C-alpha atoms as a PDB file:
ATOM      1  CA  UNK A   1      -0.128 125.043 134.939  1.00  0.00           C
ATOM      2  CA  UNK A   2      -2.283 127.855 136.643  1.00  0.00           C
ATOM      3  CA  UNK A   3      -3.454 130.603 134.185  1.00  0.00           C
ATOM      4  CA  UNK A   4      -3.359 133.907 136.141  1.00  0.00           C
ATOM      5  CA  UNK A   5      -5.590 136.838 136.388  1.00  0.00           C
ATOM      6  CA  UNK A   6      -4.024 138.799 133.847  1.00  0.00           C
ATOM      7  CA  UNK A   7      -6.453 142.104 133.739  1.00  0.00           C
ATOM      8  CA  UNK A   8      -6.879 142.491 137.521  1.00  0.00           C
ATOM      9  CA  UNK A   9      -5.913 146.356 138.474  1.00  0.00           C
ATOM     10  CA  UNK A  10      -6.423 147.242 134.550  1.00  0.00           C
ATOM     11  CA  UNK A  11     -10.454 146.191 134.004  1.00  0.00           C
ATOM     12  CA  UNK A  12     -11.178 145.371 137.858  1.00  0.00           C
ATOM     13  CA  UNK A  13      -9.492 145.514 140.985  1.00  0.00           C
ATOM     14  CA  UNK A  14      -7.130 143.466 141.995  1.00  0.00           C
ATOM     15  CA  UNK A  15      -7.262 144.021 145.693  1.00  0.00           C
ATOM     16  CA  UNK A  16     -10.076 140.945 146.935  1.00  0.00           C
ATOM     17  CA  UNK A  17     -11.586 143.243 149.603  1.00  0.00           C
ATOM     18  CA  UNK A  18     -11.430 146.413 146.692  1.00  0.00           C
ATOM     19  CA  UNK A  19     -12.932 144.061 143.967  1.00  0.00           C
ATOM     20  CA  UNK A  20     -15.830 142.849 146.603  1.00  0.00           C
ATOM     21  CA  UNK A  21     -17.078 146.457 147.215  1.00  0.00           C
ATOM     22  CA  UNK A  22     -16.751 147.490 143.480  1.00  0.00           C
ATOM     23  CA  UNK A  23     -18.955 144.027 142.843  1.00  0.00           C
ATOM     24  CA  UNK A  24     -21.879 145.157 145.637  1.00  0.00           C
ATOM     25  CA  UNK A  25     -21.861 148.284 144.468  1.00  0.00           C
ATOM     26  CA  UNK A  26     -22.326 146.654 140.669  1.00  0.00           C
ATOM     27  CA  UNK A  27     -25.155 144.517 141.473  1.00  0.00           C
ATOM     28  CA  UNK A  28     -28.451 145.276 142.333  1.00  0.00           C
ATOM     29  CA  UNK A  29     -30.617 143.599 145.058  1.00  0.00           C
ATOM     30  CA  UNK A  30     -32.734 141.060 142.753  1.00  0.00           C
ATOM     31  CA  UNK A  31     -35.542 139.259 144.898  1.00  0.00           C
ATOM     32  CA  UNK A  32     -36.465 136.344 142.817  1.00  0.00           C
ATOM     33  CA  UNK A  33     -33.368 134.976 140.317  1.00  0.00           C
ATOM     34  CA  UNK A  34     -34.713 133.101 136.906  1.00  0.00           C
ATOM     35  CA  UNK A  35     -33.381 130.049 135.328  1.00  0.00           C
ATOM     36  CA  UNK A  36     -31.731 130.778 132.376  1.00  0.00           C
ATOM     37  CA  UNK A  37     -29.860 128.697 129.242  1.00  0.00           C
ATOM     38  CA  UNK A  38     -27.465 131.775 128.116  1.00  0.00           C
ATOM     39  CA  UNK A  39     -26.875 135.219 129.086  1.00  0.00           C
ATOM     40  CA  UNK A  40     -25.030 137.880 126.696  1.00  0.00           C
ATOM     41  CA  UNK A  41     -22.707 140.541 128.531  1.00  0.00           C
ATOM     42  CA  UNK A  42     -19.901 142.839 128.094  1.00  0.00           C
ATOM     43  CA  UNK A  43     -16.110 142.865 129.025  1.00  0.00           C
ATOM     44  CA  UNK A  44     -15.038 146.267 129.585  1.00  0.00           C
ATOM     45  CA  UNK A  45     -13.370 147.870 132.495  1.00  0.00           C
ATOM     46  CA  UNK A  46     -15.970 147.658 135.259  1.00  0.00           C
ATOM     47  CA  UNK A  47     -16.311 151.181 135.336  1.00  0.00           C
ATOM     48  CA  UNK A  48     -17.626 151.427 131.949  1.00  0.00           C
ATOM     49  CA  UNK A  49     -19.650 147.900 131.842  1.00  0.00           C
ATOM     50  CA  UNK A  50     -19.963 146.693 134.922  1.00  0.00           C
ATOM     51  CA  UNK A  51     -23.509 147.804 135.814  1.00  0.00           C
ATOM     52  CA  UNK A  52     -24.813 146.391 132.851  1.00  0.00           C
ATOM     53  CA  UNK A  53     -23.063 142.729 133.658  1.00  0.00           C
ATOM     54  CA  UNK A  54     -24.026 143.152 137.269  1.00  0.00           C
ATOM     55  CA  UNK A  55     -27.496 143.917 136.210  1.00  0.00           C
ATOM     56  CA  UNK A  56     -27.385 141.082 134.220  1.00  0.00           C
ATOM     57  CA  UNK A  57     -26.105 138.354 135.984  1.00  0.00           C
ATOM     58  CA  UNK A  58     -28.137 139.431 139.163  1.00  0.00           C
ATOM     59  CA  UNK A  59     -31.607 138.240 137.658  1.00  0.00           C
ATOM     60  CA  UNK A  60     -30.342 134.998 136.853  1.00  0.00           C
ATOM     61  CA  UNK A  61     -29.317 131.539 138.873  1.00  0.00           C
ATOM     62  CA  UNK A  62     -25.902 130.779 138.471  1.00  0.00           C
ATOM     63  CA  UNK A  63     -24.903 127.370 138.275  1.00  0.00           C
ATOM     64  CA  UNK A  64     -21.829 125.362 140.104  1.00  0.00           C
ATOM     65  CA  UNK A  65     -21.107 124.997 136.039  1.00  0.00           C
ATOM     66  CA  UNK A  66     -20.450 127.843 133.400  1.00  0.00           C
ATOM     67  CA  UNK A  67     -19.047 127.783 129.654  1.00  0.00           C
ATOM     68  CA  UNK A  68     -17.489 131.055 129.036  1.00  0.00           C
ATOM     69  CA  UNK A  69     -17.210 131.997 125.362  1.00  0.00           C
ATOM     70  CA  UNK A  70     -15.682 135.128 124.270  1.00  0.00           C
ATOM     71  CA  UNK A  71     -13.437 136.728 121.603  1.00  0.00           C
ATOM     72  CA  UNK A  72      -9.525 136.421 120.828  1.00  0.00           C
ATOM     73  CA  UNK A  73      -8.257 139.896 121.232  1.00  0.00           C
ATOM     74  CA  UNK A  74      -4.569 138.913 120.652  1.00  0.00           C
ATOM     75  CA  UNK A  75      -4.800 136.242 117.569  1.00  0.00           C
ATOM     76  CA  UNK A  76      -2.888 133.117 119.687  1.00  0.00           C
ATOM     77  CA  UNK A  77      -3.812 130.176 119.980  1.00  0.00           C
ATOM     78  CA  UNK A  78      -6.591 127.947 117.838  1.00  0.00           C
ATOM     79  CA  UNK A  79      -9.797 129.231 116.650  1.00  0.00           C
ATOM     80  CA  UNK A  80     -12.016 127.636 119.344  1.00  0.00           C
ATOM     81  CA  UNK A  81      -9.376 127.128 121.907  1.00  0.00           C
ATOM     82  CA  UNK A  82     -10.567 125.346 125.481  1.00  0.00           C
ATOM     83  CA  UNK A  83      -8.753 126.027 128.163  1.00  0.00           C
ATOM     84  CA  UNK A  84      -7.577 123.437 130.210  1.00  0.00           C
ATOM     85  CA  UNK A  85      -5.849 124.804 133.295  1.00  0.00           C
ATOM     86  CA  UNK A  86      -7.371 126.084 136.259  1.00  0.00           C
ATOM     87  CA  UNK A  87      -7.646 129.850 137.055  1.00  0.00           C
ATOM     88  CA  UNK A  88      -6.449 132.003 140.015  1.00  0.00           C
ATOM     89  CA  UNK A  89      -8.683 135.091 140.361  1.00  0.00           C
ATOM     90  CA  UNK A  90      -8.291 137.720 142.952  1.00  0.00           C
ATOM     91  CA  UNK A  91     -11.212 135.736 145.008  1.00  0.00           C
ATOM     92  CA  UNK A  92      -9.771 132.562 144.827  1.00  0.00           C
ATOM     93  CA  UNK A  93      -9.120 129.743 142.397  1.00  0.00           C
ATOM     94  CA  UNK A  94     -11.525 128.710 139.752  1.00  0.00           C
ATOM     95  CA  UNK A  95     -11.154 124.920 138.590  1.00  0.00           C
ATOM     96  CA  UNK A  96     -11.810 123.607 135.063  1.00  0.00           C
ATOM     97  CA  UNK A  97     -15.412 121.524 135.223  1.00  0.00           C
ATOM     98  CA  UNK A  98     -13.115 118.716 133.625  1.00  0.00           C
ATOM     99  CA  UNK A  99     -15.911 115.894 132.922  1.00  0.00           C
ATOM    100  CA  UNK A 100     -17.496 118.317 131.003  1.00  0.00           C
ATOM    101  CA  UNK A 101     -14.358 119.873 129.026  1.00  0.00           C
ATOM    102  CA  UNK A 102     -13.176 116.358 128.515  1.00  0.00           C
ATOM    103  CA  UNK A 103     -16.783 115.309 126.813  1.00  0.00           C
ATOM    104  CA  UNK A 104     -16.598 118.512 124.744  1.00  0.00           C
ATOM    105  CA  UNK A 105     -13.200 117.789 123.764  1.00  0.00           C
ATOM    106  CA  UNK A 106     -13.806 114.203 122.579  1.00  0.00           C
ATOM    107  CA  UNK A 107     -16.964 114.989 120.698  1.00  0.00           C
ATOM    108  CA  UNK A 108     -16.118 118.175 118.746  1.00  0.00           C
ATOM    109  CA  UNK A 109     -13.938 118.252 115.626  1.00  0.00           C
ATOM    110  CA  UNK A 110     -13.509 122.273 115.739  1.00  0.00           C
ATOM    111  CA  UNK A 111     -12.951 122.663 119.717  1.00  0.00           C
ATOM    112  CA  UNK A 112      -9.417 121.971 120.423  1.00  0.00           C
ATOM    113  CA  UNK A 113      -7.720 122.111 124.116  1.00  0.00           C
ATOM    114  CA  UNK A 114      -5.575 125.225 123.999  1.00  0.00           C
ATOM    115  CA  UNK A 115      -4.174 127.326 126.974  1.00  0.00           C
ATOM    116  CA  UNK A 116      -1.981 130.222 124.719  1.00  0.00           C
ATOM    117  CA  UNK A 117      -5.525 131.947 123.633  1.00  0.00           C
ATOM    118  CA  UNK A 118      -6.295 132.056 127.027  1.00  0.00           C
ATOM    119  CA  UNK A 119      -3.255 133.655 128.517  1.00  0.00           C
ATOM    120  CA  UNK A 120      -3.515 137.292 128.066  1.00  0.00           C
ATOM    121  CA  UNK A 121      -7.305 137.501 126.849  1.00  0.00           C
ATOM    122  CA  UNK A 122      -9.265 139.518 128.897  1.00  0.00           C
ATOM    123  CA  UNK A 123     -13.063 138.622 127.477  1.00  0.00           C
ATOM    124  CA  UNK A 124     -13.536 135.813 129.710  1.00  0.00           C
ATOM    125  CA  UNK A 125     -11.548 136.691 132.908  1.00  0.00           C
ATOM    126  CA  UNK A 126     -13.716 139.979 133.651  1.00  0.00           C
ATOM    127  CA  UNK A 127     -17.063 137.816 133.813  1.00  0.00           C
ATOM    128  CA  UNK A 128     -15.596 135.263 136.859  1.00  0.00           C
ATOM    129  CA  UNK A 129     -15.738 137.867 139.406  1.00  0.00           C
ATOM    130  CA  UNK A 130     -19.622 138.330 138.850  1.00  0.00           C
ATOM    131  CA  UNK A 131     -19.884 134.796 138.640  1.00  0.00           C
ATOM    132  CA  UNK A 132     -17.747 134.005 141.687  1.00  0.00           C
ATOM    133  CA  UNK A 133     -19.664 136.726 143.426  1.00  0.00           C
ATOM    134  CA  UNK A 134     -22.449 134.899 142.852  1.00  0.00           C
ATOM    135  CA  UNK A 135     -21.654 131.233 142.859  1.00  0.00           C
ATOM    136  CA  UNK A 136     -18.442 130.226 145.819  1.00  0.00           C
ATOM    137  CA  UNK A 137     -18.308 126.453 144.108  1.00  0.00           C
ATOM    138  CA  UNK A 138     -17.636 127.594 140.529  1.00  0.00           C
ATOM    139  CA  UNK A 139     -16.439 125.439 137.942  1.00  0.00           C
ATOM    140  CA  UNK A 140     -15.702 126.801 134.241  1.00  0.00           C
ATOM    141  CA  UNK A 141     -15.323 125.732 130.824  1.00  0.00           C
ATOM    142  CA  UNK A 142     -13.486 128.573 129.176  1.00  0.00           C
ATOM    143  CA  UNK A 143     -13.936 128.722 125.086  1.00  0.00           C
ATOM    144  CA  UNK A 144     -11.711 131.578 123.268  1.00  0.00           C
ATOM    145  CA  UNK A 145     -13.639 132.263 119.637  1.00  0.00           C
ATOM    146  CA  UNK A 146     -11.597 133.591 116.847  1.00  0.00           C
ATOM    147  CA  UNK A 147     -12.994 134.663 113.573  1.00  0.00           C
ATOM    148  CA  UNK A 148     -14.618 131.410 111.877  1.00  0.00           C
ATOM    149  CA  UNK A 149     -17.434 130.548 109.397  1.00  0.00           C
ATOM    150  CA  UNK A 150     -20.940 130.205 110.704  1.00  0.00           C
ATOM    151  CA  UNK A 151     -20.735 126.675 109.729  1.00  0.00           C
ATOM    152  CA  UNK A 152     -18.292 126.115 112.433  1.00  0.00           C
ATOM    153  CA  UNK A 153     -20.124 128.519 114.665  1.00  0.00           C
ATOM    154  CA  UNK A 154     -23.253 126.218 114.797  1.00  0.00           C
ATOM    155  CA  UNK A 155     -20.895 123.043 114.624  1.00  0.00           C
ATOM    156  CA  UNK A 156     -19.510 124.254 117.761  1.00  0.00           C
ATOM    157  CA  UNK A 157     -22.565 125.007 119.393  1.00  0.00           C
ATOM    158  CA  UNK A 158     -24.078 121.373 118.576  1.00  0.00           C
ATOM    159  CA  UNK A 159     -21.058 120.069 120.194  1.00  0.00           C
ATOM    160  CA  UNK A 160     -21.477 122.342 122.961  1.00  0.00           C
ATOM    161  CA  UNK A 161     -25.356 121.545 123.222  1.00  0.00           C
ATOM    162  CA  UNK A 162     -25.056 117.464 123.202  1.00  0.00           C
ATOM    163  CA  UNK A 163     -21.974 117.975 125.573  1.00  0.00           C
ATOM    164  CA  UNK A 164     -24.381 120.016 127.860  1.00  0.00           C
ATOM    165  CA  UNK A 165     -27.607 117.635 127.952  1.00  0.00           C
ATOM    166  CA  UNK A 166     -25.351 114.805 128.446  1.00  0.00           C
ATOM    167  CA  UNK A 167     -23.363 116.061 131.388  1.00  0.00           C
ATOM    168  CA  UNK A 168     -26.685 116.416 133.110  1.00  0.00           C
ATOM    169  CA  UNK A 169     -26.246 119.207 135.754  1.00  0.00           C
ATOM    170  CA  UNK A 170     -27.482 122.264 135.169  1.00  0.00           C
ATOM    171  CA  UNK A 171     -25.151 124.942 133.114  1.00  0.00           C
ATOM    172  CA  UNK A 172     -25.140 128.731 132.270  1.00  0.00           C
ATOM    173  CA  UNK A 173     -23.475 129.759 129.004  1.00  0.00           C
ATOM    174  CA  UNK A 174     -21.853 133.315 129.399  1.00  0.00           C
ATOM    175  CA  UNK A 175     -21.358 135.037 125.604  1.00  0.00           C
ATOM    176  CA  UNK A 176     -18.849 137.839 126.332  1.00  0.00           C
ATOM    177  CA  UNK A 177     -19.064 140.649 123.965  1.00  0.00           C
ATOM    178  CA  UNK A 178     -18.978 144.345 123.314  1.00  0.00           C
ATOM    179  CA  UNK A 179     -20.793 146.065 120.520  1.00  0.00           C
ATOM    180  CA  UNK A 180     -20.205 148.875 118.220  1.00  0.00           C
ATOM    181  CA  UNK A 181     -16.245 150.429 119.048  1.00  0.00           C
ATOM    182  CA  UNK A 182     -15.708 153.707 118.586  1.00  0.00           C
ATOM    183  CA  UNK A 183     -18.292 155.331 116.411  1.00  0.00           C
ATOM    184  CA  UNK A 184     -20.642 158.236 117.044  1.00  0.00           C
ATOM    185  CA  UNK A 185     -23.626 157.335 119.565  1.00  0.00           C
ATOM    186  CA  UNK A 186     -26.109 157.847 116.913  1.00  0.00           C
ATOM    187  CA  UNK A 187     -24.306 155.901 114.704  1.00  0.00           C
ATOM    188  CA  UNK A 188     -23.528 152.624 117.073  1.00  0.00           C
ATOM    189  CA  UNK A 189     -27.376 152.813 118.332  1.00  0.00           C
ATOM    190  CA  UNK A 190     -28.143 152.215 115.254  1.00  0.00           C
ATOM    191  CA  UNK A 191     -25.973 149.363 114.103  1.00  0.00           C
ATOM    192  CA  UNK A 192     -26.454 147.377 117.637  1.00  0.00           C
ATOM    193  CA  UNK A 193     -30.212 148.385 117.078  1.00  0.00           C
ATOM    194  CA  UNK A 194     -30.144 146.389 114.157  1.00  0.00           C
ATOM    195  CA  UNK A 195     -27.880 143.327 115.761  1.00  0.00           C
ATOM    196  CA  UNK A 196     -29.915 143.050 119.479  1.00  0.00           C
ATOM    197  CA  UNK A 197     -32.989 142.594 116.882  1.00  0.00           C
ATOM    198  CA  UNK A 198     -31.217 139.331 115.687  1.00  0.00           C
ATOM    199  CA  UNK A 199     -30.690 138.216 119.202  1.00  0.00           C
ATOM    200  CA  UNK A 200     -34.297 139.050 120.431  1.00  0.00           C
ATOM    201  CA  UNK A 201     -35.748 137.388 117.554  1.00  0.00           C
ATOM    202  CA  UNK A 202     -34.055 134.208 118.223  1.00  0.00           C
ATOM    203  CA  UNK A 203     -31.916 133.952 114.486  1.00  0.00           C
ATOM    204  CA  UNK A 204     -28.107 133.391 114.956  1.00  0.00           C
ATOM    205  CA  UNK A 205     -27.864 133.521 111.795  1.00  0.00           C
ATOM    206  CA  UNK A 206     -29.507 136.619 110.848  1.00  0.00           C
ATOM    207  CA  UNK A 207     -27.284 137.968 113.453  1.00  0.00           C
ATOM    208  CA  UNK A 208     -24.226 136.329 112.162  1.00  0.00           C
ATOM    209  CA  UNK A 209     -24.542 137.427 108.847  1.00  0.00           C
ATOM    210  CA  UNK A 210     -26.215 141.446 109.883  1.00  0.00           C
ATOM    211  CA  UNK A 211     -23.042 141.690 111.895  1.00  0.00           C
ATOM    212  CA  UNK A 212     -21.031 140.924 109.168  1.00  0.00           C
ATOM    213  CA  UNK A 213     -22.483 142.165 106.081  1.00  0.00           C
ATOM    214  CA  UNK A 214     -22.558 145.781 108.261  1.00  0.00           C
ATOM    215  CA  UNK A 215     -19.897 145.768 109.305  1.00  0.00           C
ATOM    216  CA  UNK A 216     -20.900 145.887 112.693  1.00  0.00           C
ATOM    217  CA  UNK A 217     -17.486 145.885 115.056  1.00  0.00           C
ATOM    218  CA  UNK A 218     -19.174 143.291 117.776  1.00  0.00           C
ATOM    219  CA  UNK A 219     -16.006 141.743 118.583  1.00  0.00           C
ATOM    220  CA  UNK A 220     -18.342 138.900 119.990  1.00  0.00           C
ATOM    221  CA  UNK A 221     -19.597 138.081 117.398  1.00  0.00           C
ATOM    222  CA  UNK A 222     -19.017 134.322 117.521  1.00  0.00           C
ATOM    223  CA  UNK A 223     -19.387 133.639 120.829  1.00  0.00           C
ATOM    224  CA  UNK A 224     -22.664 135.410 120.641  1.00  0.00           C
ATOM    225  CA  UNK A 225     -23.658 133.189 117.928  1.00  0.00           C
ATOM    226  CA  UNK A 226     -22.313 129.671 119.292  1.00  0.00           C
ATOM    227  CA  UNK A 227     -24.139 130.646 122.721  1.00  0.00           C
ATOM    228  CA  UNK A 228     -27.595 131.366 121.169  1.00  0.00           C
ATOM    229  CA  UNK A 229     -27.597 128.253 118.501  1.00  0.00           C
ATOM    230  CA  UNK A 230     -26.624 126.060 121.473  1.00  0.00           C
ATOM    231  CA  UNK A 231     -29.443 127.585 124.042  1.00  0.00           C
ATOM    232  CA  UNK A 232     -31.763 127.220 121.249  1.00  0.00           C
ATOM    233  CA  UNK A 233     -30.855 123.875 121.111  1.00  0.00           C
ATOM    234  CA  UNK A 234     -31.202 122.880 124.973  1.00  0.00           C
ATOM    235  CA  UNK A 235     -34.721 124.435 124.943  1.00  0.00           C
ATOM    236  CA  UNK A 236     -34.226 128.067 124.573  1.00  0.00           C
ATOM    237  CA  UNK A 237     -37.260 129.703 123.049  1.00  0.00           C
ATOM    238  CA  UNK A 238     -36.956 133.828 123.983  1.00  0.00           C
ATOM    239  CA  UNK A 239     -34.031 136.462 124.735  1.00  0.00           C
ATOM    240  CA  UNK A 240     -34.611 139.470 126.924  1.00  0.00           C
ATOM    241  CA  UNK A 241     -32.250 142.895 126.809  1.00  0.00           C
ATOM    242  CA  UNK A 242     -31.773 143.773 130.393  1.00  0.00           C
ATOM    243  CA  UNK A 243     -29.865 147.042 129.271  1.00  0.00           C
ATOM    244  CA  UNK A 244     -28.306 148.383 126.362  1.00  0.00           C
ATOM    245  CA  UNK A 245     -26.029 151.539 126.945  1.00  0.00           C
ATOM    246  CA  UNK A 246     -22.654 152.972 125.664  1.00  0.00           C
ATOM    247  CA  UNK A 247     -19.184 154.282 126.928  1.00  0.00           C
ATOM    248  CA  UNK A 248     -19.942 157.743 126.763  1.00  0.00           C
ATOM    249  CA  UNK A 249     -22.249 157.228 129.920  1.00  0.00           C
ATOM    250  CA  UNK A 250     -19.355 157.430 131.851  1.00  0.00           C
ATOM    251  CA  UNK A 251     -16.874 159.341 129.590  1.00  0.00           C
ATOM    252  CA  UNK A 252     -19.134 162.058 128.645  1.00  0.00           C
ATOM    253  CA  UNK A 253     -17.685 161.671 125.028  1.00  0.00           C
ATOM    254  CA  UNK A 254     -20.363 160.690 122.523  1.00  0.00           C
ATOM    255  CA  UNK A 255     -18.490 161.051 119.453  1.00  0.00           C
ATOM    256  CA  UNK A 256     -16.733 158.082 120.122  1.00  0.00           C
ATOM    257  CA  UNK A 257     -18.382 155.178 121.993  1.00  0.00           C
ATOM    258  CA  UNK A 258     -18.326 151.527 122.797  1.00  0.00           C
ATOM    259  CA  UNK A 259     -21.935 149.833 122.797  1.00  0.00           C
ATOM    260  CA  UNK A 260     -22.878 147.365 125.636  1.00  0.00           C
ATOM    261  CA  UNK A 261     -25.656 144.953 125.835  1.00  0.00           C
ATOM    262  CA  UNK A 262     -26.787 142.256 128.461  1.00  0.00           C
ATOM    263  CA  UNK A 263     -29.422 139.712 127.435  1.00  0.00           C
ATOM    264  CA  UNK A 264     -30.772 136.856 128.791  1.00  0.00           C
ATOM    265  CA  UNK A 265     -31.923 133.847 127.011  1.00  0.00           C
ATOM    266  CA  UNK A 266     -34.014 131.077 128.334  1.00  0.00           C
END
């Protein structure tokens, strides 16, 4: 079985040539790449959040192996579902990194192999063309995350960190999330500031509690929490906000915006 691209021509161009042109326009030229353990990137349509993703990915070295964590928007599949089938994308096939995927599934009691959660999910898919742009030999470990407790997030993160450490080669973790949804710019920016402050403070439990406690509609809170814990276990000591913006910058509507943030964790 191969997972086919399901949001090509919706969230991003499905034609390979047009997609490359779009990526060229969204990705700035950066002279020196930096090593990162994780990044946080948005997953809206490229017209809205592509510039934030492009600016963030442009800053870091993209290795051949990338773990992508994204939220479950459809409610299908297991709570922590690792996709085991290769992906067919407009820019070419993207195989699963079988060695790392198998190691994670053998170690973890909370992450399970499950393609069902991935069939219609866009949050991971929209990251892949950016990764392919920088890394022609890309292999991925895609994990869709539903609403789970902080304790489960921590267990999943520890399983990932140990498996990545044992894997030996360079691995980047990508957490896919948008920030506050469909509130005024003033309200969204205030709520998002609270969440972003916890990421910048390297405080995953505080991030989780802040988002849940304040009912911040950050769809990828669980993937971001897992990525932050795993990166810290792998030695990360700081986070940097590359860019924050919202959909109103494109639509002109500041009464109902969606927030977008790009962060580097190193």
